[in-house]
Amino acid sequence: MTTASSDQYFKDNEANWDDRAQVHMSGDYGGVKELLADPQAISMQLAQDIKRFGDLRGKDVLHLQCHVGVDTIGFARRGAHRVVGLDLSEKSLEYARDIATRAQADIEFIHANVYDARQDVDGEFDLVYTSLGVLCWLPDIAGWAKVVASLMKPGSIFFIRDDHPMMMTIDDDVSNGLKVAYPYFQTESPLTWDDEESYVSYADSPKIKHTRNHQWNHSLGEIVSALIQAGLTIDDLEESTYSAWCPWPDLMEEVGSGRYRLKEGQNHIPLQFAIAAHK
């Protein structure tokens, strides 16, 4: 899925994520220190869902939009036969390869746009996984779902956990409460941002140099319908009042295990969703 405009969007986003990777790896992103210290450890993000996938021994697993691979390592540590991580950012994958090597995790990392995954990744998989903060970087949800389905073996599992599209509509200025300011449904043109900081930063984090990035929202209905139309059967759909990050510090509180929620008395909206499906 490429057009002249989308090519430029992807180039901008790749450069932005190359810089973000350096920001994230300036600290203990994703609990990487524990992953390297404990050969049995898996990331907190993956830990909340790992039981959904059953026995992974001997299975083939593909992690789309894997960033620096801290979640990807968990699949190798649970005995998967083949683990592949794919990401748009080559800098992210440089970190991912280094972390995997030091963690003694046998993982194949592929530098590719998720829309090109079918042509750039060999074989089909027992589990296709993607999480978190992934769909907002993609302009076409139907095209994404078709790629996901094409990578799955018959009877295989697809799972996604991501920020809820309702959360993505909220204005950055929450001084007077939560207000809808951005599109809920997919739009042809992206929202374009210029920002020197990422959603995670540390005391000595470098600033992002390639600040321009482009994002699209997709409604929950659009996401579910795209997966169904691509040939998948939805097994589970969850909405949660918890988030894996804290976009509104004055309105949110940390509740442990890397999760945040809106404080009591605030307007409560869904902050995260998860979908499990099979082919």
Protein backbone atom coordinates (compact mmCIF):
# COMPACT_ATOMS: atom_id res chain seq x y z
CA MET A 1 0.00 0.00 0.00
CA THR A 2 1.98 2.95 -1.26
CA THR A 3 1.23 6.29 -2.89
CA ALA A 4 3.46 9.30 -3.41
CA SER A 5 2.04 10.95 -0.31
CA SER A 6 2.10 7.85 1.86
CA ASP A 7 5.72 7.18 0.87
CA GLN A 8 6.67 10.55 2.34
CA TYR A 9 4.57 9.93 5.44
CA PHE A 10 6.39 6.64 6.01
CA LYS A 11 9.81 8.25 5.43
CA ASP A 12 9.02 10.94 7.98
CA ASN A 13 7.75 8.37 10.48
CA GLU A 14 10.77 6.13 10.01
CA ALA A 15 13.17 9.00 10.67
CA ASN A 16 11.08 10.02 13.68
CA TRP A 17 11.15 6.48 15.09
CA ASP A 18 14.88 6.15 14.48
CA ASP A 19 15.23 9.11 16.83
CA ARG A 20 12.63 7.80 19.26
CA ALA A 21 14.58 4.56 19.56
CA GLN A 22 17.57 6.50 20.81
CA VAL A 23 15.37 8.38 23.28
CA HIS A 24 13.84 5.16 24.57
CA MET A 25 17.13 3.33 24.89
CA SER A 26 18.66 6.14 26.94
CA GLY A 27 16.84 4.60 29.91
CA ASP A 28 15.28 1.35 31.06
CA TYR A 29 12.71 1.16 28.28
CA GLY A 30 10.37 -1.81 28.57
CA GLY A 31 12.28 -3.17 31.55
CA VAL A 32 15.26 -4.11 29.40
CA LYS A 33 17.58 -4.28 32.41
CA GLU A 34 15.52 -7.05 33.99
CA LEU A 35 15.27 -8.86 30.66
CA LEU A 36 19.04 -8.95 30.45
CA ALA A 37 19.55 -9.82 34.12
CA ASP A 38 16.99 -12.65 34.30
CA PRO A 39 17.00 -15.26 31.50
CA GLN A 40 13.40 -16.21 32.36
CA ALA A 41 11.98 -12.68 32.38
CA ILE A 42 9.50 -11.35 29.83
CA SER A 43 8.25 -7.80 29.48
CA MET A 44 5.32 -6.53 31.59
CA GLN A 45 3.49 -5.71 28.39
CA LEU A 46 3.64 -9.26 27.09
CA ALA A 47 3.16 -10.84 30.51
CA GLN A 48 -0.44 -9.65 30.77
CA ASP A 49 -1.42 -11.58 27.61
CA ILE A 50 1.04 -14.47 27.31
CA LYS A 51 -1.39 -17.02 28.77
CA ARG A 52 -3.83 -16.36 25.95
CA PHE A 53 -1.51 -18.02 23.46
CA GLY A 54 -1.17 -21.40 25.14
CA ASP A 55 1.91 -23.56 24.74
CA LEU A 56 4.23 -21.80 22.30
CA ARG A 57 6.82 -24.56 22.16
CA GLY A 58 7.52 -25.40 18.53
CA LYS A 59 5.30 -22.58 17.24
CA ASP A 60 6.18 -19.86 14.72
CA VAL A 61 5.52 -16.31 15.95
CA LEU A 62 5.56 -13.01 14.07
CA HIS A 63 5.65 -9.72 15.97
CA LEU A 64 4.64 -6.81 13.75
CA GLN A 65 5.85 -3.27 14.54
CA CYS A 66 8.14 -4.70 17.21
CA HIS A 67 10.20 -1.52 17.87
CA VAL A 68 13.28 -2.48 19.97
CA GLY A 69 12.06 -6.03 20.54
CA VAL A 70 11.62 -6.07 24.32
CA ASP A 71 8.27 -7.87 23.95
CA THR A 72 9.55 -10.09 21.13
CA ILE A 73 12.11 -11.72 23.43
CA GLY A 74 9.31 -13.24 25.52
CA PHE A 75 8.16 -15.46 22.67
CA ALA A 76 11.62 -16.94 22.27
CA ARG A 77 11.81 -17.49 26.03
CA ARG A 78 8.51 -19.36 25.96
CA GLY A 79 9.94 -21.89 23.53
CA ALA A 80 8.69 -20.68 20.14
CA HIS A 81 10.44 -22.46 17.28
CA ARG A 82 10.75 -19.39 15.07
CA VAL A 83 10.36 -15.79 16.21
CA VAL A 84 10.35 -12.90 13.74
CA GLY A 85 10.14 -9.21 14.61
CA LEU A 86 9.37 -6.63 11.93
CA ASP A 87 9.62 -2.86 12.15
CA LEU A 88 9.79 0.24 9.96
CA SER A 89 12.71 1.74 11.89
CA GLU A 90 16.16 0.32 11.19
CA LYS A 91 17.59 2.09 14.24
CA SER A 92 15.00 0.38 16.43
CA LEU A 93 16.06 -2.96 14.98
CA GLU A 94 19.75 -2.26 15.63
CA TYR A 95 18.85 -1.99 19.30
CA ALA A 96 16.55 -5.02 19.03
CA ARG A 97 19.29 -7.21 17.59
CA ASP A 98 21.75 -6.11 20.26
CA ILE A 99 19.26 -6.74 23.09
CA ALA A 100 18.31 -10.15 21.68
CA THR A 101 21.97 -11.15 21.35
CA ARG A 102 22.72 -10.16 24.94
CA ALA A 103 19.55 -11.94 26.09
CA GLN A 104 20.58 -15.07 24.13
CA ALA A 105 17.25 -15.02 22.30
CA ASP A 106 17.19 -16.42 18.77
CA ILE A 107 15.11 -13.86 16.87
CA GLU A 108 15.07 -12.81 13.23
CA PHE A 109 14.50 -9.07 12.81
CA ILE A 110 13.31 -7.68 9.49
CA HIS A 111 13.37 -4.04 8.43
CA ALA A 112 10.16 -3.44 6.48
CA ASN A 113 6.96 -1.48 6.29
CA VAL A 114 4.14 -3.54 7.79
CA TYR A 115 2.24 -3.24 4.49
CA ASP A 116 5.15 -5.04 2.78
CA ALA A 117 5.35 -7.81 5.40
CA ARG A 118 3.85 -10.51 3.18
CA GLN A 119 6.50 -10.01 0.50
CA ASP A 120 9.38 -9.49 2.94
CA VAL A 121 8.69 -12.32 5.41
CA ASP A 122 8.87 -15.98 4.42
CA GLY A 123 6.28 -18.48 5.61
CA GLU A 124 3.11 -18.39 7.66
CA PHE A 125 2.75 -18.21 11.41
CA ASP A 126 0.89 -19.82 14.31
CA LEU A 127 0.67 -16.46 16.10
CA VAL A 128 0.75 -12.93 14.70
CA TYR A 129 1.08 -10.39 17.50
CA THR A 130 1.12 -6.60 17.63
CA SER A 131 1.12 -4.16 20.54
CA LEU A 132 1.09 -1.19 21.69
CA GLY A 133 0.79 2.21 19.98
CA VAL A 134 0.82 0.59 16.56
CA LEU A 135 -2.29 1.32 14.52
CA CYS A 136 -2.06 5.11 14.72
CA TRP A 137 0.97 4.97 12.39
CA LEU A 138 -0.98 3.24 9.61
CA PRO A 139 -3.15 5.08 7.06
CA ASP A 140 -5.26 2.14 5.83
CA ILE A 141 -6.75 -0.26 8.36
CA ALA A 142 -8.34 -2.55 5.76
CA GLY A 143 -5.01 -2.99 3.96
CA TRP A 144 -3.31 -3.76 7.26
CA ALA A 145 -5.86 -6.44 8.15
CA LYS A 146 -5.37 -8.16 4.78
CA VAL A 147 -1.62 -8.32 5.38
CA VAL A 148 -2.17 -9.76 8.86
CA ALA A 149 -4.47 -12.49 7.52
CA SER A 150 -2.05 -13.36 4.72
CA LEU A 151 0.68 -14.11 7.27
CA MET A 152 -1.40 -16.56 9.30
CA LYS A 153 -1.64 -20.34 9.05
CA PRO A 154 -5.13 -21.90 9.07
CA GLY A 155 -6.19 -22.18 12.71
CA SER A 156 -3.63 -19.62 13.86
CA ILE A 157 -4.10 -16.77 16.34
CA PHE A 158 -3.96 -13.02 15.82
CA PHE A 159 -3.75 -10.70 18.82
CA ILE A 160 -3.54 -6.95 19.19
CA ARG A 161 -3.50 -4.69 22.22
CA ASP A 162 -3.47 -0.99 21.50
CA ASP A 163 -4.51 2.47 22.66
CA HIS A 164 -8.26 2.88 22.34
CA PRO A 165 -9.32 5.09 19.42
CA MET A 166 -11.52 7.09 21.81
CA MET A 167 -8.43 8.01 23.81
CA MET A 168 -6.80 9.20 20.62
CA THR A 169 -9.52 11.82 20.04
CA ILE A 170 -8.84 13.78 23.25
CA ASP A 171 -7.38 17.28 23.09
CA ASP A 172 -3.83 17.69 24.42
CA ASP A 173 -5.05 20.50 26.68
CA VAL A 174 -6.95 18.80 29.50
CA SER A 175 -6.85 21.72 31.94
CA ASN A 176 -10.66 21.89 31.74
CA GLY A 177 -11.23 18.16 31.46
CA LEU A 178 -11.31 15.73 28.57
CA LYS A 179 -12.57 17.16 25.29
CA VAL A 180 -12.83 15.54 21.87
CA ALA A 181 -10.61 17.42 19.42
CA TYR A 182 -9.38 14.87 16.87
CA PRO A 183 -11.11 12.46 14.45
CA TYR A 184 -12.44 9.17 15.76
CA PHE A 185 -12.84 7.62 12.31
CA GLN A 186 -10.12 6.99 9.73
CA THR A 187 -9.38 9.99 7.53
CA GLU A 188 -7.47 10.15 4.27
CA SER A 189 -5.14 12.89 5.51
CA PRO A 190 -3.13 12.31 8.68
CA LEU A 191 -2.73 14.45 11.74
CA THR A 192 0.80 15.80 11.46
CA TRP A 193 2.86 16.67 14.52
CA ASP A 194 6.22 18.28 15.26
CA ASP A 195 7.48 17.16 18.65
CA GLU A 196 10.96 16.89 20.16
CA GLU A 197 9.87 14.40 22.82
CA SER A 198 8.44 10.87 22.83
CA TYR A 199 5.83 9.28 25.08
CA VAL A 200 8.70 7.93 27.21
CA SER A 201 11.71 10.02 28.17
CA TYR A 202 14.47 9.96 30.76
CA ALA A 203 16.60 12.58 32.51
CA ASP A 204 19.37 12.47 29.92
CA SER A 205 17.24 11.61 26.89
CA PRO A 206 18.32 13.21 23.61
CA LYS A 207 15.81 15.38 21.76
CA ILE A 208 14.14 14.05 18.65
CA LYS A 209 15.72 15.72 15.61
CA HIS A 210 13.28 14.47 12.98
CA THR A 211 10.25 15.88 14.73
CA ARG A 212 7.66 15.58 11.95
CA ASN A 213 5.40 12.54 12.24
CA HIS A 214 2.02 11.53 10.85
CA GLN A 215 -0.78 9.62 12.54
CA TRP A 216 -4.24 8.30 11.72
CA ASN A 217 -7.01 7.17 14.03
CA HIS A 218 -9.23 4.15 13.31
CA SER A 219 -12.53 3.53 15.04
CA LEU A 220 -13.04 0.29 16.93
CA GLY A 221 -15.72 -0.66 14.43
CA GLU A 222 -13.34 -0.06 11.52
CA ILE A 223 -10.68 -2.24 13.13
CA VAL A 224 -13.05 -5.13 13.90
CA SER A 225 -14.74 -4.95 10.49
CA ALA A 226 -11.38 -4.91 8.69
CA LEU A 227 -10.27 -8.10 10.45
CA ILE A 228 -13.57 -9.84 9.73
CA GLN A 229 -13.51 -8.80 6.08
CA ALA A 230 -9.95 -10.10 5.82
CA GLY A 231 -11.25 -13.55 6.78
CA LEU A 232 -10.59 -13.68 10.52
CA THR A 233 -13.03 -14.72 13.24
CA ILE A 234 -13.12 -12.48 16.31
CA ASP A 235 -12.88 -14.53 19.51
CA ASP A 236 -12.56 -11.78 22.09
CA LEU A 237 -12.86 -8.00 22.26
CA GLU A 238 -11.96 -6.12 25.43
CA GLU A 239 -12.02 -2.45 26.35
CA SER A 240 -10.09 -1.25 29.37
CA THR A 241 -9.88 1.82 31.61
CA TYR A 242 -6.12 1.29 31.90
CA SER A 243 -3.35 2.71 29.74
CA ALA A 244 0.29 1.69 29.36
CA TRP A 245 1.39 5.32 29.42
CA CYS A 246 0.39 8.60 31.02
CA PRO A 247 -0.64 11.27 28.48
CA TRP A 248 -2.42 13.46 31.09
CA PRO A 249 -0.35 13.48 34.32
CA ASP A 250 -2.71 15.82 36.18
CA LEU A 251 -5.70 13.56 35.56
CA MET A 252 -4.15 10.10 35.89
CA GLU A 253 -2.62 7.86 38.54
CA GLU A 254 -0.27 4.90 38.34
CA VAL A 255 -1.77 1.63 39.57
CA GLY A 256 1.22 -0.68 39.21
CA SER A 257 2.61 -3.02 36.56
CA GLY A 258 3.22 -0.09 34.24
CA ARG A 259 -0.46 0.84 34.05
CA TYR A 260 -2.26 4.15 34.50
CA ARG A 261 -5.92 5.11 34.83
CA LEU A 262 -7.96 8.28 35.20
CA LYS A 263 -8.38 9.45 38.77
CA GLU A 264 -11.70 9.07 40.53
CA GLY A 265 -14.11 11.84 39.60
CA GLN A 266 -12.67 12.34 36.12
CA ASN A 267 -14.59 11.54 32.97
CA HIS A 268 -13.95 7.87 32.32
CA ILE A 269 -13.36 6.72 28.79
CA PRO A 270 -11.83 3.51 27.41
CA LEU A 271 -8.06 3.86 27.23
CA GLN A 272 -7.06 0.54 25.70
CA PHE A 273 -8.53 -2.33 23.72
CA ALA A 274 -7.52 -5.89 22.93
CA ILE A 275 -8.72 -8.19 20.15
CA ALA A 276 -8.06 -11.91 19.80
CA ALA A 277 -9.00 -13.60 16.53
CA HIS A 278 -8.25 -16.74 14.55
CA LYS A 279 -8.07 -17.79 10.92
